[in-house]
Protein backbone atom coordinates (compact mmCIF):
# COMPACT_ATOMS: atom_id res chain seq x y z
CA UNK A 1 124.54 102.81 60.84
CA UNK A 2 123.74 106.20 61.71
CA UNK A 3 122.19 106.71 58.47
CA UNK A 4 119.73 103.99 58.79
CA UNK A 5 116.47 105.76 57.95
CA UNK A 6 114.57 104.71 61.09
CA UNK A 7 117.41 105.43 63.37
CA UNK A 8 117.95 108.86 61.80
CA UNK A 9 114.17 109.62 61.92
CA UNK A 10 114.15 108.54 65.49
CA UNK A 11 117.03 110.94 66.40
CA UNK A 12 115.20 113.80 64.65
CA UNK A 13 111.77 112.82 65.94
CA UNK A 14 113.09 112.73 69.67
CA UNK A 15 114.05 116.35 69.11
CA UNK A 16 110.93 117.16 67.35
CA UNK A 17 112.63 118.38 64.30
CA UNK A 18 110.54 118.56 61.07
CA UNK A 19 111.18 116.03 58.44
CA UNK A 20 110.14 116.20 54.88
CA UNK A 21 110.42 113.04 52.50
CA UNK A 22 112.35 113.49 49.35
CA UNK A 23 110.34 111.96 46.61
CA UNK A 24 113.40 111.30 44.38
CA UNK A 25 114.81 108.92 47.03
CA UNK A 26 111.67 106.87 46.95
CA UNK A 27 112.31 104.67 44.02
CA UNK A 28 113.79 101.42 45.33
CA UNK A 29 113.94 98.53 42.98
CA UNK A 30 112.13 95.31 43.80
CA UNK A 31 114.32 92.39 44.23
CA UNK A 32 114.05 89.90 41.37
CA UNK A 33 113.98 86.73 43.33
CA UNK A 34 111.95 85.58 46.44
CA UNK A 35 115.20 84.79 48.35
CA UNK A 36 116.56 88.26 47.86
CA UNK A 37 113.37 89.77 48.78
CA UNK A 38 113.10 87.80 51.92
CA UNK A 39 116.65 88.72 53.01
CA UNK A 40 115.71 92.29 52.25
CA UNK A 41 112.71 92.12 54.55
CA UNK A 42 114.86 90.44 57.30
CA UNK A 43 117.29 93.54 57.00
CA UNK A 44 114.48 95.96 57.20
CA UNK A 45 113.22 94.50 60.34
CA UNK A 46 116.32 95.79 61.99
CA UNK A 47 114.99 99.31 61.78
CA UNK A 48 112.08 99.14 64.15
CA UNK A 49 113.64 96.27 66.31
CA UNK A 50 116.65 98.43 67.22
CA UNK A 51 114.34 100.77 69.34
CA UNK A 52 116.15 100.08 72.57
CA UNK A 53 119.50 100.99 70.89
CA UNK A 54 117.90 104.21 69.56
CA UNK A 55 116.58 105.13 72.94
CA UNK A 56 119.99 104.74 74.56
CA UNK A 57 121.83 106.65 71.74
CA UNK A 58 123.52 109.76 73.09
CA UNK A 59 122.13 111.72 70.24
CA UNK A 60 118.52 110.95 71.25
CA UNK A 61 116.98 113.74 73.24
CA UNK A 62 115.71 111.94 76.47
CA UNK A 63 112.16 112.49 77.40
CA UNK A 64 108.60 111.45 76.89
CA UNK A 65 108.73 111.86 73.20
CA UNK A 66 111.69 109.56 72.80
CA UNK A 67 109.85 106.91 75.08
CA UNK A 68 106.71 107.27 72.72
CA UNK A 69 108.81 106.84 69.69
CA UNK A 70 110.43 103.64 71.21
CA UNK A 71 107.02 102.38 72.20
CA UNK A 72 105.77 102.88 68.54
CA UNK A 73 108.82 101.05 67.03
CA UNK A 74 108.25 98.16 69.64
CA UNK A 75 104.63 98.04 68.46
CA UNK A 76 105.80 97.83 64.88
CA UNK A 77 108.37 95.03 65.79
CA UNK A 78 105.75 93.13 67.68
CA UNK A 79 103.18 93.51 64.74
CA UNK A 80 105.70 92.40 62.23
CA UNK A 81 106.57 89.22 64.18
CA UNK A 82 102.83 88.50 64.58
CA UNK A 83 102.56 88.31 60.84
CA UNK A 84 104.20 84.84 61.01
CA UNK A 85 101.44 83.32 63.09
CA UNK A 86 98.22 85.51 62.71
CA UNK A 87 97.01 83.76 59.36
CA UNK A 88 97.37 80.41 60.96
CA UNK A 89 95.91 81.50 64.24
CA UNK A 90 92.71 82.85 62.44
CA UNK A 91 92.41 79.68 60.31
CA UNK A 92 92.52 77.65 63.57
CA UNK A 93 89.85 79.98 65.23
CA UNK A 94 87.54 79.69 62.27
CA UNK A 95 87.94 75.76 62.16
CA UNK A 96 87.93 75.01 65.98
CA UNK A 97 86.37 78.05 67.66
CA UNK A 98 82.96 78.21 69.32
CA UNK A 99 80.15 80.12 67.84
CA UNK A 100 81.17 83.59 69.20
CA UNK A 101 84.88 82.97 68.37
CA UNK A 102 84.03 82.05 64.76
CA UNK A 103 81.59 84.99 64.48
CA UNK A 104 84.14 87.49 65.71
CA UNK A 105 87.05 85.99 63.69
CA UNK A 106 84.81 85.93 60.59
CA UNK A 107 83.84 89.54 61.20
CA UNK A 108 87.46 90.44 61.51
CA UNK A 109 88.46 88.71 58.40
CA UNK A 110 85.65 90.39 56.47
CA UNK A 111 86.62 93.80 57.68
CA UNK A 112 90.28 92.97 56.68
CA UNK A 113 89.28 91.80 53.24
CA UNK A 114 87.24 94.73 52.57
CA UNK A 115 90.16 96.90 53.55
CA UNK A 116 92.41 94.97 51.23
CA UNK A 117 90.02 95.33 48.23
CA UNK A 118 89.62 99.04 49.02
CA UNK A 119 93.38 99.68 49.00
CA UNK A 120 93.78 97.55 45.76
CA UNK A 121 91.03 99.62 44.13
CA UNK A 122 92.50 102.82 45.27
CA UNK A 123 95.99 101.93 44.17
CA UNK A 124 94.73 100.23 41.07
CA UNK A 125 97.40 99.62 38.44
CA UNK A 126 97.10 98.29 34.91
CA UNK A 127 97.05 94.57 35.99
CA UNK A 128 94.37 92.43 34.71
CA UNK A 129 91.52 91.70 37.06
CA UNK A 130 92.36 88.17 37.30
CA UNK A 131 96.03 89.05 38.39
CA UNK A 132 94.70 91.52 40.93
CA UNK A 133 92.24 88.78 42.42
CA UNK A 134 95.23 86.34 42.53
CA UNK A 135 97.39 89.04 44.28
CA UNK A 136 94.43 89.46 47.01
CA UNK A 137 94.25 85.72 47.44
CA UNK A 138 97.95 85.39 47.97
CA UNK A 139 97.92 88.04 50.64
CA UNK A 140 97.75 85.57 53.59
CA UNK A 141 100.86 83.77 52.23
CA UNK A 142 102.59 87.05 51.69
CA UNK A 143 101.66 88.26 55.08
CA UNK A 144 103.14 85.09 56.68
CA UNK A 145 106.23 85.31 54.73
CA UNK A 146 106.69 88.98 55.96
CA UNK A 147 106.41 87.71 59.59
CA UNK A 148 108.82 84.90 59.06
CA UNK A 149 111.44 87.25 57.58
CA UNK A 150 110.93 89.30 60.70
CA UNK A 151 111.70 86.32 62.81
CA UNK A 152 114.85 85.73 60.51
CA UNK A 153 115.83 89.45 61.06
CA UNK A 154 115.39 88.97 64.87
CA UNK A 155 117.56 86.06 64.99
CA UNK A 156 120.24 87.92 62.83
CA UNK A 157 119.91 90.77 65.27
CA UNK A 158 120.34 88.46 68.29
CA UNK A 159 123.47 87.06 66.63
CA UNK A 160 125.00 90.64 66.42
CA UNK A 161 124.60 90.92 62.71
CA UNK A 162 124.82 94.47 61.37
CA UNK A 163 121.75 94.41 59.02
CA UNK A 164 123.92 96.19 56.39
CA UNK A 165 122.96 96.09 52.80
CA UNK A 166 120.55 98.33 51.21
CA UNK A 167 118.15 98.19 48.32
CA UNK A 168 119.77 99.36 45.11
CA UNK A 169 118.36 102.59 43.75
CA UNK A 170 117.44 103.10 40.11
């Protein structure tokens, strides 16, 4: 729809119009079941994945800025899809790579783990330490499911589905 947030921001961004997020609209409820969360992620994938549509929209101001925005959305799309295979690929490289590959992959995983810990510490909530550690340990599974939801969204997009359905607001 024209009010899909990424589409709308693409149109405004192509015209270099200023945008200010409205904090009161940033209070989406988290779905109660894994299935509903998965379906929500699949719908959200439509946002960046429609970058060619946004680029060809008559309301988009053509030019370099629009192409850069589309390239950014394409990168988000590719990154989202890569989440489905990256944890498995990294595990494979650690188990079956040569010495240099294992060292580089291990270094990447250490950097990534440190970033996760820093973000968790910075966004610390009232959760117990054990719950926070469990959340961090589950991250590869969560990351993979995010990517699989993107693949599901891509299939729905290719089938011509609308991607309609928004998160309920509190």
